[in-house]
Amino acid sequence: MKSHIGVILTAFLSAVASGAVFLIALHRQFALVEVAASLATAMQVYFLSSSIGDRLESKSGPNRLRFVTSLAVLAALVAYFFVTKWLQH
C-alpha cells in the first residue's frame, strides 16, 4: 500500500514538473520544447490517473514499467529543455 502512495506522489510531482517546464518554455518562447512539454504533461497525467486506478483497484503492487517510463519522460524533457537553452545562447 505504501508503495502505491510513493508512485502516486512521484507521478504527481512529475506531472507538476512537466507543466512547469511547459510554462518556462512558453515564457522563453522555445516552440518545440513547448510542444514536447505539453505532450509529456499529458502522458504524466495519464500515468498519474493509472497509478491512482491501481491503488483503487487494490492491485498487489504498482506498475514498475509505468513508473520508470514516467521518470524517463521527465528526464528527457528536462534534458531537452536545457539543451535547447544552451543552444540558444
N, C-alpha and C. Protein backbone atom coordinates (compact mmCIF):
# COMPACT_ATOMS: atom_id res chain seq x y z
N MET A 1 0.82 -1.19 0.00
CA MET A 1 0.00 0.00 0.00
C MET A 1 0.87 1.26 0.00
N LYS A 2 1.94 1.25 0.79
CA LYS A 2 2.81 2.42 0.84
C LYS A 2 3.52 2.65 -0.48
N SER A 3 3.80 1.55 -1.21
CA SER A 3 4.47 1.71 -2.50
C SER A 3 3.55 2.41 -3.51
N HIS A 4 2.25 2.15 -3.40
CA HIS A 4 1.31 2.85 -4.28
C HIS A 4 1.33 4.35 -4.00
N ILE A 5 1.39 4.72 -2.75
CA ILE A 5 1.39 6.14 -2.39
C ILE A 5 2.65 6.81 -2.92
N GLY A 6 3.78 6.12 -2.83
CA GLY A 6 5.04 6.67 -3.34
C GLY A 6 5.00 6.87 -4.84
N VAL A 7 4.43 5.92 -5.56
CA VAL A 7 4.33 6.02 -7.02
C VAL A 7 3.35 7.14 -7.39
N ILE A 8 2.26 7.25 -6.67
CA ILE A 8 1.29 8.31 -6.95
C ILE A 8 1.93 9.68 -6.69
N LEU A 9 2.65 9.81 -5.60
CA LEU A 9 3.32 11.08 -5.29
C LEU A 9 4.36 11.41 -6.35
N THR A 10 5.13 10.42 -6.77
CA THR A 10 6.15 10.65 -7.80
C THR A 10 5.50 11.03 -9.13
N ALA A 11 4.41 10.38 -9.49
CA ALA A 11 3.71 10.71 -10.74
C ALA A 11 3.14 12.12 -10.67
N PHE A 12 2.61 12.50 -9.51
CA PHE A 12 2.08 13.85 -9.35
C PHE A 12 3.19 14.89 -9.49
N LEU A 13 4.32 14.66 -8.83
CA LEU A 13 5.43 15.61 -8.92
C LEU A 13 6.00 15.67 -10.34
N SER A 14 6.00 14.55 -11.04
CA SER A 14 6.46 14.53 -12.43
C SER A 14 5.52 15.34 -13.32
N ALA A 15 4.23 15.22 -13.09
CA ALA A 15 3.26 15.99 -13.87
C ALA A 15 3.41 17.49 -13.59
N VAL A 16 3.63 17.84 -12.33
CA VAL A 16 3.83 19.25 -11.98
C VAL A 16 5.12 19.78 -12.62
N ALA A 17 6.19 18.99 -12.58
CA ALA A 17 7.45 19.41 -13.18
C ALA A 17 7.33 19.56 -14.69
N SER A 18 6.61 18.66 -15.34
CA SER A 18 6.40 18.78 -16.79
C SER A 18 5.60 20.04 -17.12
N GLY A 19 4.60 20.33 -16.31
CA GLY A 19 3.84 21.56 -16.50
C GLY A 19 4.69 22.80 -16.28
N ALA A 20 5.58 22.74 -15.30
CA ALA A 20 6.48 23.87 -15.05
C ALA A 20 7.44 24.07 -16.22
N VAL A 21 7.96 22.99 -16.78
CA VAL A 21 8.83 23.11 -17.96
C VAL A 21 8.05 23.72 -19.12
N PHE A 22 6.79 23.34 -19.27
CA PHE A 22 5.95 23.93 -20.31
C PHE A 22 5.83 25.44 -20.11
N LEU A 23 5.54 25.86 -18.89
CA LEU A 23 5.38 27.30 -18.64
C LEU A 23 6.68 28.07 -18.84
N ILE A 24 7.79 27.50 -18.43
CA ILE A 24 9.08 28.16 -18.62
C ILE A 24 9.42 28.24 -20.11
N ALA A 25 9.15 27.16 -20.85
CA ALA A 25 9.40 27.17 -22.29
C ALA A 25 8.48 28.17 -22.99
N LEU A 26 7.28 28.30 -22.50
CA LEU A 26 6.34 29.28 -23.06
C LEU A 26 6.87 30.69 -22.84
N HIS A 27 7.39 30.94 -21.65
CA HIS A 27 7.93 32.25 -21.33
C HIS A 27 9.17 32.58 -22.16
N ARG A 28 10.03 31.57 -22.37
CA ARG A 28 11.27 31.79 -23.14
C ARG A 28 11.07 31.60 -24.64
N GLN A 29 9.87 31.24 -25.05
CA GLN A 29 9.50 31.08 -26.45
C GLN A 29 10.32 30.00 -27.16
N PHE A 30 10.42 28.83 -26.52
CA PHE A 30 11.02 27.66 -27.14
C PHE A 30 9.87 26.80 -27.67
N ALA A 31 9.55 26.99 -28.94
CA ALA A 31 8.34 26.39 -29.51
C ALA A 31 8.35 24.87 -29.46
N LEU A 32 9.44 24.23 -29.87
CA LEU A 32 9.47 22.77 -29.88
C LEU A 32 9.48 22.20 -28.48
N VAL A 33 10.07 22.91 -27.54
CA VAL A 33 10.05 22.45 -26.15
C VAL A 33 8.63 22.57 -25.60
N GLU A 34 7.91 23.60 -26.01
CA GLU A 34 6.52 23.75 -25.58
C GLU A 34 5.67 22.56 -26.04
N VAL A 35 5.86 22.16 -27.28
CA VAL A 35 5.10 21.03 -27.82
C VAL A 35 5.46 19.75 -27.07
N ALA A 36 6.77 19.53 -26.91
CA ALA A 36 7.22 18.33 -26.19
C ALA A 36 6.73 18.34 -24.75
N ALA A 37 6.77 19.50 -24.11
CA ALA A 37 6.33 19.59 -22.71
C ALA A 37 4.83 19.37 -22.59
N SER A 38 4.06 19.85 -23.54
CA SER A 38 2.60 19.64 -23.45
C SER A 38 2.27 18.16 -23.64
N LEU A 39 2.96 17.50 -24.56
CA LEU A 39 2.74 16.06 -24.74
C LEU A 39 3.21 15.27 -23.52
N ALA A 40 4.35 15.67 -22.96
CA ALA A 40 4.86 14.99 -21.76
C ALA A 40 3.93 15.20 -20.57
N THR A 41 3.37 16.39 -20.45
CA THR A 41 2.43 16.65 -19.35
C THR A 41 1.19 15.78 -19.49
N ALA A 42 0.71 15.62 -20.71
CA ALA A 42 -0.45 14.75 -20.93
C ALA A 42 -0.11 13.30 -20.55
N MET A 43 1.07 12.85 -20.92
CA MET A 43 1.50 11.50 -20.55
C MET A 43 1.60 11.35 -19.03
N GLN A 44 2.14 12.36 -18.38
CA GLN A 44 2.32 12.30 -16.94
C GLN A 44 0.96 12.25 -16.23
N VAL A 45 0.01 13.00 -16.72
CA VAL A 45 -1.33 12.97 -16.12
C VAL A 45 -1.98 11.60 -16.34
N TYR A 46 -1.74 10.99 -17.51
CA TYR A 46 -2.23 9.64 -17.75
C TYR A 46 -1.59 8.66 -16.76
N PHE A 47 -0.27 8.75 -16.58
CA PHE A 47 0.42 7.87 -15.64
C PHE A 47 -0.10 8.09 -14.21
N LEU A 48 -0.38 9.33 -13.86
CA LEU A 48 -0.91 9.62 -12.53
C LEU A 48 -2.28 8.98 -12.35
N SER A 49 -3.17 9.13 -13.33
CA SER A 49 -4.51 8.56 -13.19
C SER A 49 -4.45 7.03 -13.18
N SER A 50 -3.53 6.46 -13.93
CA SER A 50 -3.38 4.99 -13.93
C SER A 50 -2.87 4.51 -12.58
N SER A 51 -1.96 5.26 -11.98
CA SER A 51 -1.44 4.88 -10.66
C SER A 51 -2.53 4.96 -9.59
N ILE A 52 -3.36 6.00 -9.68
CA ILE A 52 -4.48 6.12 -8.74
C ILE A 52 -5.46 4.98 -8.96
N GLY A 53 -5.70 4.61 -10.22
CA GLY A 53 -6.59 3.48 -10.52
C GLY A 53 -6.05 2.18 -9.97
N ASP A 54 -4.73 1.96 -10.06
CA ASP A 54 -4.14 0.76 -9.48
C ASP A 54 -4.36 0.72 -7.97
N ARG A 55 -4.25 1.86 -7.34
CA ARG A 55 -4.45 1.93 -5.88
C ARG A 55 -5.90 1.65 -5.52
N LEU A 56 -6.83 2.19 -6.30
CA LEU A 56 -8.25 1.99 -6.01
C LEU A 56 -8.68 0.55 -6.27
N GLU A 57 -8.04 -0.11 -7.25
CA GLU A 57 -8.37 -1.50 -7.53
C GLU A 57 -7.66 -2.47 -6.61
N SER A 58 -6.87 -1.96 -5.70
CA SER A 58 -6.13 -2.75 -4.70
C SER A 58 -5.24 -3.80 -5.36
N LYS A 59 -4.51 -3.35 -6.39
CA LYS A 59 -3.55 -4.26 -7.03
C LYS A 59 -2.40 -4.53 -6.06
N SER A 60 -1.73 -5.65 -6.27
CA SER A 60 -0.70 -6.07 -5.31
C SER A 60 0.48 -5.11 -5.27
N GLY A 61 0.80 -4.50 -6.37
CA GLY A 61 1.93 -3.57 -6.42
C GLY A 61 1.79 -2.63 -7.59
N PRO A 62 2.53 -1.54 -7.55
CA PRO A 62 2.45 -0.58 -8.66
C PRO A 62 3.14 -1.13 -9.90
N ASN A 63 2.80 -0.59 -11.02
CA ASN A 63 3.37 -0.99 -12.30
C ASN A 63 4.75 -0.34 -12.44
N ARG A 64 5.81 -1.14 -12.39
CA ARG A 64 7.17 -0.60 -12.45
C ARG A 64 7.49 0.01 -13.81
N LEU A 65 7.02 -0.59 -14.87
CA LEU A 65 7.29 -0.06 -16.20
C LEU A 65 6.71 1.34 -16.35
N ARG A 66 5.50 1.53 -15.88
CA ARG A 66 4.87 2.85 -15.93
C ARG A 66 5.63 3.86 -15.08
N PHE A 67 6.09 3.43 -13.93
CA PHE A 67 6.86 4.30 -13.03
C PHE A 67 8.17 4.72 -13.67
N VAL A 68 8.89 3.76 -14.24
CA VAL A 68 10.18 4.07 -14.86
C VAL A 68 9.98 4.93 -16.11
N THR A 69 8.94 4.65 -16.88
CA THR A 69 8.65 5.45 -18.07
C THR A 69 8.32 6.88 -17.69
N SER A 70 7.59 7.06 -16.61
CA SER A 70 7.25 8.40 -16.14
C SER A 70 8.50 9.20 -15.81
N LEU A 71 9.43 8.57 -15.10
CA LEU A 71 10.67 9.26 -14.74
C LEU A 71 11.55 9.50 -15.97
N ALA A 72 11.57 8.56 -16.91
CA ALA A 72 12.37 8.71 -18.12
C ALA A 72 11.85 9.85 -18.99
N VAL A 73 10.52 9.96 -19.11
CA VAL A 73 9.93 11.04 -19.89
C VAL A 73 10.27 12.39 -19.27
N LEU A 74 10.20 12.48 -17.96
CA LEU A 74 10.54 13.73 -17.29
C LEU A 74 12.02 14.07 -17.48
N ALA A 75 12.89 13.09 -17.33
CA ALA A 75 14.32 13.33 -17.51
C ALA A 75 14.64 13.77 -18.94
N ALA A 76 14.01 13.13 -19.92
CA ALA A 76 14.24 13.51 -21.32
C ALA A 76 13.73 14.92 -21.60
N LEU A 77 12.60 15.27 -21.03
CA LEU A 77 12.05 16.61 -21.23
C LEU A 77 12.95 17.68 -20.63
N VAL A 78 13.41 17.47 -19.42
CA VAL A 78 14.29 18.44 -18.77
C VAL A 78 15.61 18.55 -19.53
N ALA A 79 16.15 17.42 -19.99
CA ALA A 79 17.39 17.45 -20.76
C ALA A 79 17.18 18.21 -22.08
N TYR A 80 16.06 17.98 -22.75
CA TYR A 80 15.75 18.67 -23.99
C TYR A 80 15.64 20.17 -23.77
N PHE A 81 15.01 20.57 -22.66
CA PHE A 81 14.90 21.99 -22.34
C PHE A 81 16.27 22.61 -22.15
N PHE A 82 17.14 21.95 -21.36
CA PHE A 82 18.45 22.52 -21.10
C PHE A 82 19.34 22.55 -22.34
N VAL A 83 19.23 21.54 -23.20
CA VAL A 83 20.00 21.56 -24.46
C VAL A 83 19.52 22.70 -25.35
N THR A 84 18.22 22.88 -25.43
CA THR A 84 17.68 23.98 -26.23
C THR A 84 18.10 25.32 -25.66
N LYS A 85 18.07 25.45 -24.36
CA LYS A 85 18.50 26.69 -23.72
C LYS A 85 19.98 26.96 -23.99
N TRP A 86 20.79 25.90 -23.92
CA TRP A 86 22.23 26.05 -24.15
C TRP A 86 22.51 26.43 -25.60
N LEU A 87 21.76 25.85 -26.54
CA LEU A 87 21.97 26.17 -27.95
C LEU A 87 21.51 27.57 -28.33
N GLN A 88 20.56 28.12 -27.59
CA GLN A 88 20.03 29.46 -27.88
C GLN A 88 21.02 30.55 -27.48
N HIS A 89 21.90 30.28 -26.54
CA HIS A 89 22.81 31.32 -26.06
C HIS A 89 24.13 31.22 -26.68
